[in-house]
Structure formats: structure tokens, C-alpha cells
Amino acid sequence: MPSVETVSALERRLNASIPQQALSGQIAARLKHFGRTAKIPGFRPGKIPTKILDQHFGAQARQESLSDIVQRAFIEAVQANALKVAGDPSFEILTNNLDADEIEYSATFEVYPEVVLGDVGGESVERSTYELSQTDVDNTIATLRKQRATYEAVTRAAQNDDKVVIDFVGKLDGVVFQGGEAKEYPVTLGSGRMLPEFEAAIAGMNIGEVKSFDMTFPENYHGKDVAGKQVTFTITLNSVEAPVLPEVDAEFAKAVGVADGDVVKLEQEIRSNLEREVTRRLKGRNKEVAMDALLNVAQFDLPKALVQWESQRLMQQTAQEMEQRGMTTKNMQLPLELFRERAEKRVKLGLILAELVEKFDLKAQPEKVRALVEDYAQSFDHPEEVVRWYYADPARYQEIENLVLEENTVDWVFSRAQVTDKPVEFAELMGN
């Protein structure tokens, strides 16, 4: 009879045996299968004697048969003992003589832990809140106007938002450093393309004016020759162009996507889009807070196999993202240890969510899935096509279903934890 022993908190070892008769029958069947297509000089396929087949394929047939029968026996033993296996088992044949009446083997594996959720009632959490204002809408329209600005030459001193053309020379210890010199170089003041001290020096200059000033580069500046060092720049201002913002009229509305040029509709669409984005970002921040609360109170061991798998998945995902950004990863081996902490967190959260959904019936209801799909679809020109796209593929539908499960979990946590609402700034929420 198979026996199961506990090796550690989650590790188990199954000890069992296979009767020779079962193995012999499996080997004979596999040799017969080989004989149907095998090409051995002097014999026709299907007419090769078993002894000859054994000479050519015996070792392979024994290895494959033993592997198959051990795995099947393992599955049967796992089911009989109601074990929840996490990861692949490691098999070891304990009998040296494979012709013995009984062939003993062991299978070492991990089981899923008993998830202890803990009590989130004692956790203090901050729920981010934000109420969209007319100022946010107005500022967004102002940004759209700036993006569509035209420029005209002026003779006044340069100021923020102007487009200027300069010549500059930068010297380190009296010598021009690499990349420290340019002619007819365009700069939009306030764009952040140049270092703040450099742009500040240009502001207030008049056309034809020459200015010299000292500036210290940041310690983390990408140019290692000048990083953390003081240099002397000499700037000549060649021209100044001021921005001319478009009026908020029908032409402007059409330019930003309102086909009929209705300015009122433009503002309504901007408000609607901002509200959706605010909601999305608040959900993201509050989800992180709720998940951290669950992680804080849940205590259980993690299967090493699951953490290893997730670490490898994160590593592969990172390599793909690097390649998409144009980086070469062919000869680069990312250390798996870099991803272990994230992997442990993701595995633990996955087990917690599965337990919560099962224990408290937090399943995604079809109507909530539909509502979320339709909300996403509103960002597109043809929402009904987007809805059909999600429902046409089970994998895409599953993505939305998972998001609803997460929302249900967040609601569950906030209904039990000690919650304090924390208003956030618009710029902070939008990551500006």
C-alpha cells in the first residue's frame, strides 16, 4: 500500500511500489507499437520478432513504460489520499533490479497550504478619494490648446513657454566637453527638455544677447564626464517665438475629435474621460492598499515550486519588455533572485484571493462583468464593437472577470477594515 510521509510543512513523500507484471505488460505493448513502424534491415515493419525489437528498443521501452506507469500510479495515489499537489513531483526509483517482483519508488512533492486569512478588522487603511472639479476640466482644455499652439516671432525678452533658438558652448576646466557645444539649437522653455538651471538662464534674455553662467550637473547625470561637476556655459540668444493658442471654437473641437465641432460636447467628453480615468486610478491605488492589508494578516507557507514558476514568468516578461524597448537580451541572464520577492507576493495574493472567493462567495457576477466591459468600451469610437470583442474570446472575458473579482475583494476588505478616507491631489493621482 502506498504511504505518505511529511517531510516539511508543505513537502510530502509518497512511497509505493509497482508489480513487475504491470510493468512487463506495459513494456510488451510499447515494443509492439514500435514494431509497427520500425525499420530494421532484414525485417519488414510489423513482422519483426519481439526478441529483435527488444535488442533495439528494449531500453527505451523500459524507461518510457516505467515513467508512464509511475506517473499514473502517483496520480491515483494522490487522488486516493485527497492531496492537493503544488508543482511537479520528483520521482526516484528505489529498486536497483528492474526485473524484481516489486519495483519500489518514491515521489517527493509539495502540497498547497491551508490558507489562514487572518482578521483585517484590526488593519488601518487609507482609501484614496478625489472629486473631479471644473478646474480639472479647464486645465485639460488648456493643455490641449498648448499642444496645438502655433508660434510667431517676437522681439521681447524670452519667457516661459516661448520657443527659442540658441548657440551655446559649455566648458569644463576651460575645455569644451563632449556634447557641450551646439549652433542654432531649439529649446521650448518650460518643456523640461533641458536642465532647469539651463532654461532659467535663458529666460529674460533678449535677442542677440550673450550670457555666461556657471552650472553644476546632477550627480546622476547621464554624461559621466560632467556628472556632479561645475561647468561654465556661454549662451547666445538668436530668436524668440511666442506661442499663439487656438480659440476654443468649433474648429478646435473638431481638431480634438468632436466631429460636429460642438464646444459643449467637447467639454462633456473631456469631463467624462477624466471621470473614467480618475475612477480607474483610484481603483488601482485602493486595490494596492486592500491587498497589502490582506498580506499583512494572512500567515501561511508558500510552495517553493509555485514561487519558482512565478519568478521565471516575471523574468521572461521583463526580458520581453526590454526587447520591446529596443534592448538586446540575447546574451543577458537576469538573476532569478531579482524577481523572488515579487513572485512570493503574487503567489501569496493568488492563494488568498482564491480562498476569499470560495469562502465568502465573491464570484464575479455577469452583470458586473458586463458593466465593466461597457465602461471600458466608452473610451472608443464604436463601443458596441469593443463589447463584442471582449465577449468573443473566453480569455479576454476572463481578464475582465478577474478585475471584477479584485473589485469584490477590495470592497470586502474596506467593509471590514478600519478605513480612513484620504483626499489626494489631482496631479498626484495622475502621476504628474
Protein backbone atom coordinates (compact mmCIF):
# COMPACT_ATOMS: atom_id res chain seq x y z
CA MET A 1 0.00 0.00 0.00
CA PRO A 2 1.29 3.48 -0.79
CA SER A 3 2.26 5.56 2.22
CA VAL A 4 2.65 9.32 2.51
CA GLU A 5 5.12 10.88 4.90
CA THR A 6 5.51 14.54 5.87
CA VAL A 7 8.97 15.89 5.04
CA SER A 8 8.35 19.53 5.99
CA ALA A 9 5.44 21.96 6.35
CA LEU A 10 4.40 21.57 2.70
CA GLU A 11 6.67 18.81 1.40
CA ARG A 12 5.43 15.24 1.22
CA ARG A 13 6.97 11.94 0.08
CA LEU A 14 4.88 9.17 -1.40
CA ASN A 15 6.41 5.69 -1.07
CA ALA A 16 4.89 2.96 -3.25
CA SER A 17 5.72 0.03 -5.50
CA ILE A 18 4.78 -1.32 -8.92
CA PRO A 19 4.27 -5.04 -9.58
CA GLN A 20 6.58 -6.47 -12.23
CA GLN A 21 3.59 -7.94 -14.04
CA ALA A 22 2.13 -4.48 -14.68
CA LEU A 23 5.47 -3.17 -15.93
CA SER A 24 6.10 -6.19 -18.17
CA GLY A 25 2.72 -5.82 -19.82
CA GLN A 26 3.39 -2.14 -20.48
CA ILE A 27 6.81 -2.89 -21.98
CA ALA A 28 5.37 -5.60 -24.26
CA ALA A 29 2.68 -3.22 -25.53
CA ARG A 30 5.21 -0.48 -26.21
CA LEU A 31 7.56 -2.86 -28.10
CA LYS A 32 4.63 -3.98 -30.20
CA HIS A 33 3.88 -0.34 -31.01
CA PHE A 34 7.50 0.25 -32.06
CA GLY A 35 7.36 -2.84 -34.27
CA ARG A 36 4.61 -1.37 -36.46
CA THR A 37 6.84 1.29 -37.98
CA ALA A 38 10.39 0.25 -37.05
CA LYS A 39 12.86 -0.13 -39.93
CA ILE A 40 15.39 -2.85 -39.17
CA PRO A 41 17.47 -4.36 -42.03
CA GLY A 42 16.25 -7.86 -42.97
CA PHE A 43 12.76 -7.44 -41.48
CA ARG A 44 9.52 -5.96 -42.71
CA PRO A 45 7.68 -3.45 -40.46
CA GLY A 46 5.09 -5.29 -38.39
CA LYS A 47 6.91 -8.63 -38.82
CA ILE A 48 9.89 -8.05 -36.53
CA PRO A 49 10.34 -10.67 -33.76
CA THR A 50 9.93 -9.44 -30.21
CA LYS A 51 13.48 -10.52 -29.34
CA ILE A 52 14.91 -8.31 -32.10
CA LEU A 53 12.70 -5.41 -31.09
CA ASP A 54 13.90 -5.81 -27.52
CA GLN A 55 17.51 -5.62 -28.66
CA HIS A 56 16.88 -2.33 -30.48
CA PHE A 57 14.22 -0.65 -28.37
CA GLY A 58 14.20 -2.52 -25.06
CA ALA A 59 15.98 0.13 -23.00
CA GLN A 60 13.77 2.90 -24.38
CA ALA A 61 10.60 0.85 -23.87
CA ARG A 62 11.52 0.07 -20.25
CA GLN A 63 12.36 3.70 -19.45
CA GLU A 64 9.20 5.10 -21.04
CA SER A 65 6.97 2.38 -19.58
CA LEU A 66 8.36 2.83 -16.10
CA SER A 67 7.92 6.60 -16.32
CA ASP A 68 4.31 6.30 -17.54
CA ILE A 69 3.24 3.72 -15.01
CA VAL A 70 4.88 5.56 -12.11
CA GLN A 71 3.15 8.80 -13.04
CA ARG A 72 -0.23 7.10 -13.39
CA ALA A 73 0.24 5.33 -10.06
CA PHE A 74 1.22 8.66 -8.48
CA ILE A 75 -1.95 10.36 -9.76
CA GLU A 76 -4.09 7.52 -8.42
CA ALA A 77 -2.37 7.69 -5.03
CA VAL A 78 -2.79 11.48 -4.87
CA GLN A 79 -6.49 11.16 -5.62
CA ALA A 80 -6.93 8.37 -3.09
CA ASN A 81 -5.24 10.47 -0.38
CA ALA A 82 -7.04 13.71 -1.41
CA LEU A 83 -3.74 15.56 -1.78
CA LYS A 84 -3.58 18.98 -3.49
CA VAL A 85 -0.24 18.86 -5.30
CA ALA A 86 1.56 22.14 -5.99
CA GLY A 87 4.12 21.83 -8.78
CA ASP A 88 5.68 18.75 -10.35
CA PRO A 89 6.81 15.78 -8.23
CA SER A 90 10.36 14.49 -8.17
CA PHE A 91 10.46 10.70 -8.74
CA GLU A 92 13.15 8.30 -7.54
CA ILE A 93 13.31 4.57 -8.38
CA LEU A 94 14.48 2.82 -5.22
CA THR A 95 14.84 -0.73 -6.62
CA ASN A 96 18.12 -1.35 -8.44
CA ASN A 97 16.96 -4.53 -10.17
CA LEU A 98 14.15 -3.60 -12.56
CA ASP A 99 13.37 -7.33 -13.01
CA ALA A 100 12.37 -7.64 -9.34
CA ASP A 101 8.82 -8.74 -8.49
CA GLU A 102 8.10 -5.33 -6.99
CA ILE A 103 9.74 -2.08 -8.07
CA GLU A 104 9.72 0.47 -5.28
CA TYR A 105 9.74 4.21 -5.94
CA SER A 106 9.21 7.47 -4.12
CA ALA A 107 7.71 10.76 -5.25
CA THR A 108 8.61 13.96 -3.41
CA PHE A 109 6.29 16.90 -3.91
CA GLU A 110 4.70 19.94 -2.31
CA VAL A 111 1.06 20.44 -1.39
CA TYR A 112 -0.97 23.63 -1.29
CA PRO A 113 -1.01 25.25 2.16
CA GLU A 114 -4.00 25.75 4.36
CA VAL A 115 -4.64 29.44 3.79
CA VAL A 116 -5.16 31.30 7.05
CA LEU A 117 -6.75 34.59 6.03
CA GLY A 118 -6.36 36.42 9.33
CA ASP A 119 -8.55 39.28 10.53
CA VAL A 120 -8.44 42.51 8.50
CA GLY A 121 -10.74 44.11 11.07
CA GLY A 122 -7.72 45.34 13.00
CA GLU A 123 -5.99 46.82 9.96
CA SER A 124 -5.99 50.61 9.49
CA VAL A 125 -6.14 51.51 5.80
CA GLU A 126 -6.34 54.77 3.85
CA ARG A 127 -8.81 54.90 0.99
CA SER A 128 -7.84 57.45 -1.65
CA THR A 129 -10.64 59.76 -2.79
CA TYR A 130 -10.96 62.55 -5.34
CA GLU A 131 -13.81 64.67 -6.64
CA LEU A 132 -13.31 65.96 -10.18
CA SER A 133 -13.64 69.75 -10.45
CA GLN A 134 -14.33 72.22 -13.26
CA THR A 135 -10.75 73.43 -12.80
CA ASP A 136 -9.51 69.98 -13.85
CA VAL A 137 -11.61 70.17 -17.00
CA ASP A 138 -10.40 73.71 -17.75
CA ASN A 139 -6.77 72.74 -17.19
CA THR A 140 -7.15 69.80 -19.56
CA ILE A 141 -8.57 72.09 -22.24
CA ALA A 142 -5.65 74.48 -21.62
CA THR A 143 -3.21 71.59 -22.12
CA LEU A 144 -4.93 70.65 -25.39
CA ARG A 145 -4.61 74.26 -26.55
CA LYS A 146 -0.89 74.30 -25.72
CA GLN A 147 -0.39 71.08 -27.67
CA ARG A 148 -1.90 72.76 -30.75
CA ALA A 149 -0.19 76.10 -30.34
CA THR A 150 1.43 77.89 -33.27
CA TYR A 151 4.38 80.26 -32.82
CA GLU A 152 5.15 83.75 -34.04
CA ALA A 153 8.34 85.76 -33.82
CA VAL A 154 8.56 88.42 -31.09
CA THR A 155 11.21 90.97 -30.11
CA ARG A 156 10.68 90.95 -26.34
CA ALA A 157 12.76 89.04 -23.79
CA ALA A 158 12.38 85.25 -23.68
CA GLN A 159 9.90 83.83 -21.16
CA ASN A 160 8.32 80.53 -20.18
CA ASP A 161 6.52 78.64 -23.00
CA ASP A 162 8.49 80.51 -25.69
CA LYS A 163 10.32 78.64 -28.41
CA VAL A 164 13.87 79.98 -28.66
CA VAL A 165 16.92 79.21 -30.80
CA ILE A 166 20.34 79.48 -29.16
CA ASP A 167 24.04 78.86 -29.65
CA PHE A 168 25.84 77.53 -26.60
CA VAL A 169 29.29 76.44 -25.51
CA GLY A 170 29.94 74.54 -22.26
CA LYS A 171 33.44 74.26 -20.78
CA LEU A 172 34.80 72.07 -18.01
CA ASP A 173 38.07 73.43 -16.59
CA GLY A 174 38.30 75.72 -19.63
CA VAL A 175 37.87 72.91 -22.18
CA VAL A 176 34.73 72.24 -24.23
CA PHE A 177 33.33 68.90 -23.06
CA GLN A 178 31.70 66.28 -25.29
CA GLY A 179 28.19 67.36 -26.23
CA GLY A 180 28.76 70.79 -24.72
CA GLU A 181 28.53 72.85 -27.90
CA ALA A 182 25.75 73.49 -30.43
CA LYS A 183 24.61 76.05 -33.02
CA GLU A 184 21.02 77.05 -33.80
CA TYR A 185 19.72 74.78 -31.06
CA PRO A 186 15.91 74.94 -30.49
CA VAL A 187 14.55 74.96 -26.94
CA THR A 188 10.96 75.34 -25.69
CA LEU A 189 11.21 76.99 -22.28
CA GLY A 190 9.30 75.10 -19.62
CA SER A 191 9.24 71.83 -21.56
CA GLY A 192 11.80 70.22 -19.25
CA ARG A 193 13.96 69.09 -22.17
CA MET A 194 16.95 70.94 -20.72
CA LEU A 195 18.05 71.11 -17.09
CA PRO A 196 16.05 73.67 -15.05
CA GLU A 197 19.12 75.85 -14.35
CA PHE A 198 19.91 76.00 -18.08
CA GLU A 199 16.36 77.07 -19.03
CA ALA A 200 16.28 79.59 -16.17
CA ALA A 201 19.41 81.24 -17.57
CA ILE A 202 17.73 81.73 -20.98
CA ALA A 203 14.56 83.29 -19.51
CA GLY A 204 14.86 87.10 -19.55
CA MET A 205 17.48 87.20 -22.31
CA ASN A 206 16.94 89.43 -25.36
CA ILE A 207 17.69 88.54 -28.98
CA GLY A 208 21.42 88.92 -29.69
CA GLU A 209 22.33 88.90 -26.00
CA VAL A 210 25.25 86.77 -24.80
CA LYS A 211 25.31 85.38 -21.26
CA SER A 212 27.84 83.28 -19.34
CA PHE A 213 26.99 81.40 -16.17
CA ASP A 214 28.21 78.52 -14.02
CA MET A 215 26.09 75.41 -13.52
CA THR A 216 26.60 72.17 -11.59
CA PHE A 217 25.34 68.98 -13.22
CA PRO A 218 23.40 66.48 -11.07
CA GLU A 219 25.35 63.57 -9.61
CA ASN A 220 23.21 61.10 -11.57
CA TYR A 221 23.51 62.92 -14.91
CA HIS A 222 23.88 60.50 -17.84
CA GLY A 223 27.03 62.25 -19.11
CA LYS A 224 29.60 60.77 -16.74
CA ASP A 225 32.32 63.28 -17.72
CA VAL A 226 30.35 66.18 -16.23
CA ALA A 227 28.09 64.43 -13.68
CA GLY A 228 28.35 66.25 -10.34
CA LYS A 229 30.77 68.82 -11.76
CA GLN A 230 30.57 72.59 -12.27
CA VAL A 231 30.84 73.85 -15.85
CA THR A 232 30.67 77.27 -17.48
CA PHE A 233 28.13 77.87 -20.25
CA THR A 234 28.05 80.77 -22.69
CA ILE A 235 24.70 81.24 -24.44
CA THR A 236 23.76 83.44 -27.40
CA LEU A 237 20.05 84.01 -27.97
CA ASN A 238 19.28 84.04 -31.71
CA SER A 239 15.47 84.21 -31.86
CA VAL A 240 12.30 84.11 -29.78
CA GLU A 241 8.88 82.85 -30.82
CA ALA A 242 5.81 83.17 -28.59
CA PRO A 243 3.01 80.61 -28.53
CA VAL A 244 -0.35 81.53 -30.05
CA LEU A 245 -3.07 79.39 -28.53
CA PRO A 246 -6.10 78.41 -30.63
CA GLU A 247 -9.52 79.67 -29.59
CA VAL A 248 -11.88 77.12 -28.08
CA ASP A 249 -14.28 77.10 -31.01
CA ALA A 250 -15.82 74.66 -33.49
CA GLU A 251 -12.54 74.29 -35.39
CA PHE A 252 -10.67 73.47 -32.19
CA ALA A 253 -13.35 70.98 -31.11
CA LYS A 254 -13.09 69.18 -34.46
CA ALA A 255 -9.29 69.08 -34.15
CA VAL A 256 -9.51 67.20 -30.87
CA GLY A 257 -12.07 64.67 -32.08
CA VAL A 258 -15.57 66.16 -31.82
CA ALA A 259 -16.83 65.61 -35.35
CA ASP A 260 -19.63 68.20 -35.33
CA GLY A 261 -17.50 70.88 -33.64
CA ASP A 262 -19.85 71.24 -30.67
CA VAL A 263 -17.84 73.00 -27.93
CA VAL A 264 -20.32 71.98 -25.22
CA LYS A 265 -19.99 68.36 -26.28
CA LEU A 266 -16.18 68.75 -26.19
CA GLU A 267 -16.29 69.79 -22.55
CA GLN A 268 -18.72 66.97 -21.72
CA GLU A 269 -16.46 64.38 -23.35
CA ILE A 270 -13.39 65.72 -21.54
CA ARG A 271 -15.22 65.57 -18.21
CA SER A 272 -16.46 62.04 -18.94
CA ASN A 273 -12.97 60.85 -19.92
CA LEU A 274 -11.41 62.45 -16.85
CA GLU A 275 -14.01 60.88 -14.58
CA ARG A 276 -13.27 57.43 -16.02
CA GLU A 277 -9.53 57.97 -15.63
CA VAL A 278 -9.89 59.25 -12.05
CA THR A 279 -12.05 56.23 -11.20
CA ARG A 280 -9.54 53.85 -12.77
CA ARG A 281 -6.59 55.34 -10.89
CA LEU A 282 -8.44 55.45 -7.58
CA LYS A 283 -9.31 51.77 -8.03
CA GLY A 284 -5.65 50.98 -8.66
CA ARG A 285 -4.41 52.82 -5.56
CA ASN A 286 -7.14 51.39 -3.31
CA LYS A 287 -6.63 47.89 -4.65
CA GLU A 288 -2.96 48.06 -3.63
CA VAL A 289 -3.91 49.22 -0.14
CA ALA A 290 -6.50 46.45 0.27
CA MET A 291 -4.15 43.75 -0.99
CA ASP A 292 -1.41 44.90 1.38
CA ALA A 293 -3.88 44.63 4.26
CA LEU A 294 -4.66 41.04 3.27
CA LEU A 295 -0.95 40.22 3.01
CA ASN A 296 -0.29 41.70 6.45
CA VAL A 297 -2.75 39.45 8.27
CA ALA A 298 -2.50 36.21 6.27
CA GLN A 299 0.04 33.71 7.60
CA PHE A 300 0.97 30.52 5.75
CA ASP A 301 3.89 28.87 3.97
CA LEU A 302 4.28 29.15 0.20
CA PRO A 303 5.04 26.20 -2.10
CA LYS A 304 8.59 26.71 -3.43
CA ALA A 305 7.56 25.32 -6.83
CA LEU A 306 4.89 27.99 -7.32
CA VAL A 307 7.29 30.77 -6.32
CA GLN A 308 9.90 29.37 -8.73
CA TRP A 309 7.41 29.27 -11.59
CA GLU A 310 6.22 32.81 -10.93
CA SER A 311 9.81 34.09 -10.67
CA GLN A 312 10.60 32.59 -14.06
CA ARG A 313 7.43 34.04 -15.57
CA LEU A 314 8.30 37.52 -14.28
CA MET A 315 11.85 37.17 -15.58
CA GLN A 316 10.64 36.20 -19.06
CA GLN A 317 8.09 39.02 -19.03
CA THR A 318 10.81 41.53 -18.10
CA ALA A 319 13.10 40.26 -20.87
CA GLN A 320 10.29 40.65 -23.42
CA GLU A 321 9.56 44.20 -22.25
CA MET A 322 13.26 45.09 -22.52
CA GLU A 323 13.38 43.76 -26.07
CA GLN A 324 10.27 45.75 -26.98
CA ARG A 325 12.14 48.86 -25.83
CA GLY A 326 15.00 48.01 -28.17
CA MET A 327 17.35 46.42 -25.64
CA THR A 328 19.23 43.23 -26.51
CA THR A 329 18.73 40.40 -24.00
CA LYS A 330 20.09 37.50 -26.07
CA ASN A 331 23.29 37.13 -24.05
CA MET A 332 21.90 38.63 -20.86
CA GLN A 333 20.92 36.36 -17.97
CA LEU A 334 18.69 38.17 -15.50
CA PRO A 335 19.20 36.82 -11.94
CA LEU A 336 16.10 34.88 -10.90
CA GLU A 337 16.58 36.14 -7.34
CA LEU A 338 15.65 39.66 -8.51
CA PHE A 339 12.07 38.51 -9.02
CA ARG A 340 11.64 36.28 -5.98
CA GLU A 341 10.13 38.88 -3.63
CA ARG A 342 7.55 39.96 -6.23
CA ALA A 343 6.84 36.34 -7.06
CA GLU A 344 6.24 35.45 -3.41
CA LYS A 345 3.83 38.37 -3.06
CA ARG A 346 1.91 37.41 -6.21
CA VAL A 347 1.69 33.73 -5.26
CA LYS A 348 0.52 34.57 -1.75
CA LEU A 349 -2.10 37.00 -3.06
CA GLY A 350 -3.33 34.45 -5.57
CA LEU A 351 -3.88 31.87 -2.83
CA ILE A 352 -5.56 34.45 -0.58
CA LEU A 353 -7.94 35.60 -3.33
CA ALA A 354 -8.87 32.04 -4.23
CA GLU A 355 -9.69 31.32 -0.58
CA LEU A 356 -11.68 34.54 -0.20
CA VAL A 357 -13.72 33.93 -3.34
CA GLU A 358 -14.55 30.41 -2.20
CA LYS A 359 -15.19 31.16 1.45
CA PHE A 360 -17.18 34.39 1.07
CA ASP A 361 -18.70 33.83 -2.38
CA LEU A 362 -17.03 36.84 -4.01
CA LYS A 363 -17.51 35.44 -7.50
CA ALA A 364 -17.81 37.84 -10.42
CA GLN A 365 -21.47 38.29 -11.28
CA PRO A 366 -22.24 38.50 -15.04
CA GLU A 367 -23.95 41.88 -14.68
CA LYS A 368 -20.87 43.42 -13.03
CA VAL A 369 -18.63 41.97 -15.74
CA ARG A 370 -20.93 43.46 -18.38
CA ALA A 371 -20.93 46.85 -16.68
CA LEU A 372 -17.12 46.93 -16.54
CA VAL A 373 -16.79 45.91 -20.19
CA GLU A 374 -19.24 48.61 -21.26
CA ASP A 375 -17.39 51.19 -19.16
CA TYR A 376 -14.10 50.33 -20.89
CA ALA A 377 -15.80 50.43 -24.27
CA GLN A 378 -16.90 54.05 -23.80
CA SER A 379 -13.32 55.20 -24.45
CA PHE A 380 -13.56 54.01 -28.07
CA ASP A 381 -15.35 55.36 -31.13
CA HIS A 382 -17.50 52.24 -31.55
CA PRO A 383 -18.25 50.91 -28.04
CA GLU A 384 -20.53 48.13 -29.24
CA GLU A 385 -17.68 46.59 -31.28
CA VAL A 386 -15.40 46.64 -28.23
CA VAL A 387 -18.06 44.86 -26.15
CA ARG A 388 -18.41 42.15 -28.80
CA TRP A 389 -14.61 41.83 -28.94
CA TYR A 390 -14.40 41.05 -25.21
CA TYR A 391 -17.25 38.56 -25.30
CA ALA A 392 -15.92 36.79 -28.42
CA ASP A 393 -12.88 35.35 -26.64
CA PRO A 394 -13.07 33.45 -23.30
CA ALA A 395 -9.55 34.60 -22.41
CA ARG A 396 -10.45 38.28 -22.84
CA TYR A 397 -13.66 37.77 -20.88
CA GLN A 398 -11.64 36.07 -18.13
CA GLU A 399 -9.43 39.17 -17.83
CA ILE A 400 -12.45 41.35 -17.05
CA GLU A 401 -13.87 38.69 -14.73
CA ASN A 402 -10.60 38.73 -12.76
CA LEU A 403 -10.82 42.52 -12.44
CA VAL A 404 -14.34 42.21 -11.02
CA LEU A 405 -13.09 39.58 -8.54
CA GLU A 406 -10.42 42.03 -7.43
CA GLU A 407 -13.00 44.81 -7.04
CA ASN A 408 -15.18 42.50 -4.97
CA THR A 409 -12.18 41.71 -2.77
CA VAL A 410 -11.34 45.39 -2.29
CA ASP A 411 -14.95 46.10 -1.28
CA TRP A 412 -14.80 43.15 1.13
CA VAL A 413 -11.62 44.47 2.78
CA PHE A 414 -12.92 48.04 3.09
CA SER A 415 -16.17 46.77 4.60
CA ARG A 416 -14.21 45.15 7.46
CA ALA A 417 -11.01 47.17 7.97
CA GLN A 418 -10.66 50.47 9.83
CA VAL A 419 -10.90 52.84 6.87
CA THR A 420 -9.89 56.50 6.70
CA ASP A 421 -10.70 58.41 3.52
CA LYS A 422 -7.70 60.35 2.21
CA PRO A 423 -8.29 63.04 -0.44
CA VAL A 424 -5.45 63.17 -2.98
CA GLU A 425 -4.27 65.92 -5.32
CA PHE A 426 -5.18 65.69 -8.99
CA ALA A 427 -1.54 65.88 -10.12
CA GLU A 428 -0.53 63.16 -7.66
CA LEU A 429 -3.37 60.90 -8.79
CA MET A 430 -2.48 61.36 -12.45
CA GLY A 431 1.21 60.81 -11.78
CA ASN A 432 2.24 64.30 -12.98
